[in-house]
C-alpha atoms as a PDB file:
ATOM      1  CA  MET A   1     -16.433  -1.639 -40.017  1.00  0.00           C
ATOM      2  CA  ARG A   2     -15.409   1.531 -38.171  1.00  0.00           C
ATOM      3  CA  LYS A   3     -19.009   2.127 -37.015  1.00  0.00           C
ATOM      4  CA  ILE A   4     -19.145  -1.383 -35.553  1.00  0.00           C
ATOM      5  CA  ALA A   5     -15.919  -0.762 -33.616  1.00  0.00           C
ATOM      6  CA  VAL A   6     -17.250   2.547 -32.259  1.00  0.00           C
ATOM      7  CA  VAL A   7     -20.507   0.865 -31.192  1.00  0.00           C
ATOM      8  CA  LEU A   8     -18.610  -1.984 -29.468  1.00  0.00           C
ATOM      9  CA  VAL A   9     -16.322   0.437 -27.602  1.00  0.00           C
ATOM     10  CA  THR A  10     -19.353   2.487 -26.535  1.00  0.00           C
ATOM     11  CA  ILE A  11     -21.130  -0.625 -25.250  1.00  0.00           C
ATOM     12  CA  LEU A  12     -18.023  -1.706 -23.332  1.00  0.00           C
ATOM     13  CA  LEU A  13     -17.610   1.753 -21.787  1.00  0.00           C
ATOM     14  CA  LEU A  14     -21.256   1.797 -20.741  1.00  0.00           C
ATOM     15  CA  ALA A  15     -20.933  -1.681 -19.256  1.00  0.00           C
ATOM     16  CA  PHE A  16     -17.910  -0.648 -17.182  1.00  0.00           C
ATOM     17  CA  THR A  17     -19.543   2.610 -16.100  1.00  0.00           C
ATOM     18  CA  THR A  18     -22.860   1.108 -15.058  1.00  0.00           C
ATOM     19  CA  SER A  19     -21.275  -1.894 -13.344  1.00  0.00           C
ATOM     20  CA  GLY A  20     -19.406   0.541 -11.109  1.00  0.00           C
ATOM     21  CA  LEU A  21     -22.630   2.307 -10.164  1.00  0.00           C
ATOM     22  CA  GLY A  22     -24.139  -0.753  -8.584  1.00  0.00           C
ATOM     23  CA  CYS A  23     -21.067  -1.543  -6.467  1.00  0.00           C
ATOM     24  CA  GLY A  24     -21.240   1.503  -4.206  1.00  0.00           C
ATOM     25  CA  ASN A  25     -18.469   4.050  -4.367  1.00  0.00           C
ATOM     26  CA  ASN A  26     -15.187   3.289  -6.052  1.00  0.00           C
ATOM     27  CA  GLU A  27     -13.083   4.928  -3.372  1.00  0.00           C
ATOM     28  CA  PRO A  28      -9.886   3.111  -2.508  1.00  0.00           C
ATOM     29  CA  GLY A  29     -10.334   0.814   0.473  1.00  0.00           C
ATOM     30  CA  PRO A  30      -7.989  -0.188   3.294  1.00  0.00           C
ATOM     31  CA  GLU A  31      -6.244  -2.854   1.178  1.00  0.00           C
ATOM     32  CA  ASP A  32      -5.578  -0.289  -1.563  1.00  0.00           C
ATOM     33  CA  THR A  33      -3.904   1.990   0.980  1.00  0.00           C
ATOM     34  CA  VAL A  34      -1.604  -0.766   2.223  1.00  0.00           C
ATOM     35  CA  HIS A  35      -0.744  -1.793  -1.373  1.00  0.00           C
ATOM     36  CA  GLN A  36       0.064   1.808  -2.309  1.00  0.00           C
ATOM     37  CA  MET A  37       2.220   2.280   0.788  1.00  0.00           C
ATOM     38  CA  PHE A  38       4.247  -0.837  -0.076  1.00  0.00           C
ATOM     39  CA  LYS A  39       4.585   0.323  -3.707  1.00  0.00           C
ATOM     40  CA  ALA A  40       5.933   3.678  -2.531  1.00  0.00           C
ATOM     41  CA  LEU A  41       8.437   1.946  -0.232  1.00  0.00           C
ATOM     42  CA  GLU A  42       9.558  -0.303  -3.055  1.00  0.00           C
ATOM     43  CA  ALA A  43       9.987   2.743  -5.303  1.00  0.00           C
ATOM     44  CA  GLY A  44      12.132   4.349  -2.589  1.00  0.00           C
ATOM     45  CA  ASP A  45       9.653   7.203  -2.121  1.00  0.00           C
ATOM     46  CA  PHE A  46       9.483   7.409   1.673  1.00  0.00           C
ATOM     47  CA  GLN A  47       7.637  10.716   1.592  1.00  0.00           C
ATOM     48  CA  LYS A  48       4.836   9.146  -0.430  1.00  0.00           C
ATOM     49  CA  ALA A  49       4.843   6.030   1.790  1.00  0.00           C
ATOM     50  CA  VAL A  50       4.330   8.197   4.870  1.00  0.00           C
ATOM     51  CA  SER A  51       1.470  10.006   3.103  1.00  0.00           C
ATOM     52  CA  TYR A  52      -0.532   6.764   3.471  1.00  0.00           C
ATOM     53  CA  THR A  53      -0.223   6.973   7.268  1.00  0.00           C
ATOM     54  CA  THR A  54      -1.340   9.254  10.075  1.00  0.00           C
ATOM     55  CA  ILE A  55       2.322   9.512  11.136  1.00  0.00           C
ATOM     56  CA  GLU A  56       3.950  12.897  10.796  1.00  0.00           C
ATOM     57  CA  GLN A  57       7.698  12.734  10.289  1.00  0.00           C
ATOM     58  CA  PRO A  58      10.055  15.685   9.997  1.00  0.00           C
ATOM     59  CA  GLU A  59      11.486  16.290   6.555  1.00  0.00           C
ATOM     60  CA  TRP A  60      15.069  15.732   7.754  1.00  0.00           C
ATOM     61  CA  LEU A  61      14.179  12.248   9.025  1.00  0.00           C
ATOM     62  CA  LEU A  62      12.564  11.277   5.724  1.00  0.00           C
ATOM     63  CA  GLU A  63      15.661  12.484   3.888  1.00  0.00           C
ATOM     64  CA  LYS A  64      17.909  10.401   6.195  1.00  0.00           C
ATOM     65  CA  GLN A  65      15.786   7.298   5.598  1.00  0.00           C
ATOM     66  CA  GLN A  66      15.898   7.961   1.865  1.00  0.00           C
ATOM     67  CA  GLU A  67      19.707   8.068   2.033  1.00  0.00           C
ATOM     68  CA  MET A  68      20.012   4.920   4.174  1.00  0.00           C
ATOM     69  CA  PHE A  69      17.796   2.593   2.144  1.00  0.00           C
ATOM     70  CA  LYS A  70      19.454   1.788  -1.157  1.00  0.00           C
ATOM     71  CA  SER A  71      16.800  -0.680  -2.349  1.00  0.00           C
ATOM     72  CA  VAL A  72      13.594  -2.303  -1.144  1.00  0.00           C
ATOM     73  CA  ASP A  73      12.020  -5.310  -2.848  1.00  0.00           C
ATOM     74  CA  ILE A  74       8.662  -6.636  -1.635  1.00  0.00           C
ATOM     75  CA  GLU A  75       7.242  -9.892  -2.969  1.00  0.00           C
ATOM     76  CA  ASN A  76       4.418 -12.299  -2.212  1.00  0.00           C
ATOM     77  CA  LEU A  77       2.264  -9.656  -0.510  1.00  0.00           C
ATOM     78  CA  ILE A  78      -0.909 -11.211   0.881  1.00  0.00           C
ATOM     79  CA  LEU A  79      -3.469  -9.003   2.626  1.00  0.00           C
ATOM     80  CA  LYS A  80      -6.253 -10.398   4.755  1.00  0.00           C
ATOM     81  CA  THR A  81      -9.009  -8.251   6.248  1.00  0.00           C
ATOM     82  CA  ILE A  82      -9.482  -9.091   9.925  1.00  0.00           C
ATOM     83  CA  SER A  83     -12.228  -6.527  10.547  1.00  0.00           C
ATOM     84  CA  GLU A  84     -13.666  -3.491   8.808  1.00  0.00           C
ATOM     85  CA  SER A  85     -16.240  -0.930   9.844  1.00  0.00           C
ATOM     86  CA  GLU A  86     -17.163   2.396   8.332  1.00  0.00           C
ATOM     87  CA  ASN A  87     -14.180   4.213   9.866  1.00  0.00           C
ATOM     88  CA  GLU A  88     -11.726   1.540  11.060  1.00  0.00           C
ATOM     89  CA  ALA A  89     -10.125  -1.551   9.602  1.00  0.00           C
ATOM     90  CA  ILE A  90      -7.593  -4.123  10.719  1.00  0.00           C
ATOM     91  CA  LEU A  91      -5.625  -6.074   8.144  1.00  0.00           C
ATOM     92  CA  GLU A  92      -2.963  -8.721   8.282  1.00  0.00           C
ATOM     93  CA  ALA A  93      -0.115  -8.269   5.813  1.00  0.00           C
ATOM     94  CA  GLU A  94       2.236 -11.119   4.994  1.00  0.00           C
ATOM     95  CA  TYR A  95       5.149 -10.562   2.623  1.00  0.00           C
ATOM     96  CA  ASP A  96       8.776 -11.232   1.785  1.00  0.00           C
ATOM     97  CA  ILE A  97      11.089  -8.246   1.846  1.00  0.00           C
ATOM     98  CA  GLU A  98      14.690  -7.770   0.813  1.00  0.00           C
ATOM     99  CA  PHE A  99      16.330  -4.446   1.478  1.00  0.00           C
ATOM    100  CA  THR A 100      19.781  -2.971   1.213  1.00  0.00           C
ATOM    101  CA  VAL A 101      20.763  -0.378   3.791  1.00  0.00           C
ATOM    102  CA  TYR A 102      23.864   1.743   4.188  1.00  0.00           C
ATOM    103  CA  VAL A 103      24.809   2.513   7.793  1.00  0.00           C
ATOM    104  CA  TYR A 104      28.608   2.687   8.009  1.00  0.00           C
ATOM    105  CA  ASN A 105      28.602  -0.364   5.677  1.00  0.00           C
ATOM    106  CA  GLU A 106      26.184  -1.568   3.085  1.00  0.00           C
ATOM    107  CA  PHE A 107      24.272  -4.740   3.935  1.00  0.00           C
ATOM    108  CA  THR A 108      21.303  -6.637   2.548  1.00  0.00           C
ATOM    109  CA  THR A 109      18.647  -8.371   4.633  1.00  0.00           C
ATOM    110  CA  LYS A 110      15.904 -10.778   3.589  1.00  0.00           C
ATOM    111  CA  GLN A 111      12.884 -11.297   5.817  1.00  0.00           C
ATOM    112  CA  HIS A 112       9.471 -12.887   5.800  1.00  0.00           C
ATOM    113  CA  ASN A 113       7.162 -10.515   7.679  1.00  0.00           C
ATOM    114  CA  THR A 114       3.688 -10.783   9.080  1.00  0.00           C
ATOM    115  CA  MET A 115       2.139  -7.683  10.581  1.00  0.00           C
ATOM    116  CA  THR A 116      -1.237  -6.541  11.762  1.00  0.00           C
ATOM    117  CA  VAL A 117      -2.090  -3.057  10.515  1.00  0.00           C
ATOM    118  CA  LYS A 118      -4.775  -0.738  11.859  1.00  0.00           C
ATOM    119  CA  LEU A 119      -6.300   1.807   9.473  1.00  0.00           C
ATOM    120  CA  VAL A 120      -8.670   4.707  10.072  1.00  0.00           C
ATOM    121  CA  ARG A 121     -10.753   6.767   7.682  1.00  0.00           C
ATOM    122  CA  VAL A 122      -9.680  10.421   7.677  1.00  0.00           C
ATOM    123  CA  ASP A 123     -11.551  12.808   5.369  1.00  0.00           C
ATOM    124  CA  ASP A 124     -12.907   9.888   3.281  1.00  0.00           C
ATOM    125  CA  ARG A 125      -9.394   8.447   2.882  1.00  0.00           C
ATOM    126  CA  TRP A 126      -8.033   5.288   4.504  1.00  0.00           C
ATOM    127  CA  LEU A 127      -4.746   5.835   6.362  1.00  0.00           C
ATOM    128  CA  ILE A 128      -2.517   3.477   8.337  1.00  0.00           C
ATOM    129  CA  SER A 129      -2.667   4.568  11.974  1.00  0.00           C
ATOM    130  CA  ASP A 130      -0.758   1.807  13.745  1.00  0.00           C
ATOM    131  CA  ILE A 131       1.123  -1.438  13.362  1.00  0.00           C
ATOM    132  CA  ILE A 132      -0.307  -3.539  16.145  1.00  0.00           C
ATOM    133  CA  GLN A 133       1.969  -6.541  15.781  1.00  0.00           C
ATOM    134  CA  SER A 134       4.933  -7.377  13.602  1.00  0.00           C
ATOM    135  CA  ASP A 135       6.810 -10.659  13.257  1.00  0.00           C
ATOM    136  CA  ALA A 136       9.932 -10.735  11.104  1.00  0.00           C
ATOM    137  CA  LEU A 137      11.908 -13.853  10.303  1.00  0.00           C
ATOM    138  CA  SER A 138      15.319 -13.124   8.766  1.00  0.00           C
ATOM    139  CA  SER A 139      16.922 -15.406   6.244  1.00  0.00           C
END
């Protein structure tokens, strides 16, 4: 019985490995970058969120943002690729966000956002270079 299990696991591993070979490289694409940036924001890790962009922010500013934002919750994220070439991509991101901020007082805001995001490939890595358009509807 154990030999059968080992053979089945081996076959499954080979199937996964060879199926990846035919699909080109398995590098993260533009959508993966945007997903990871939102995950970092939701986790409250602004330094990591910025690492998915071409934006350089001073350490003191990241620390201030980290202090201000008490919580970030992102739901219903839908990404749509508008265009993609070898080194540039434009995506539309639509999502609901609720965040709590402390600036003199603590307050919570809920919004439905739609934004157009431009990404560029830098050293074989997709990075967010610009937010072309952003529409936020507060609730």
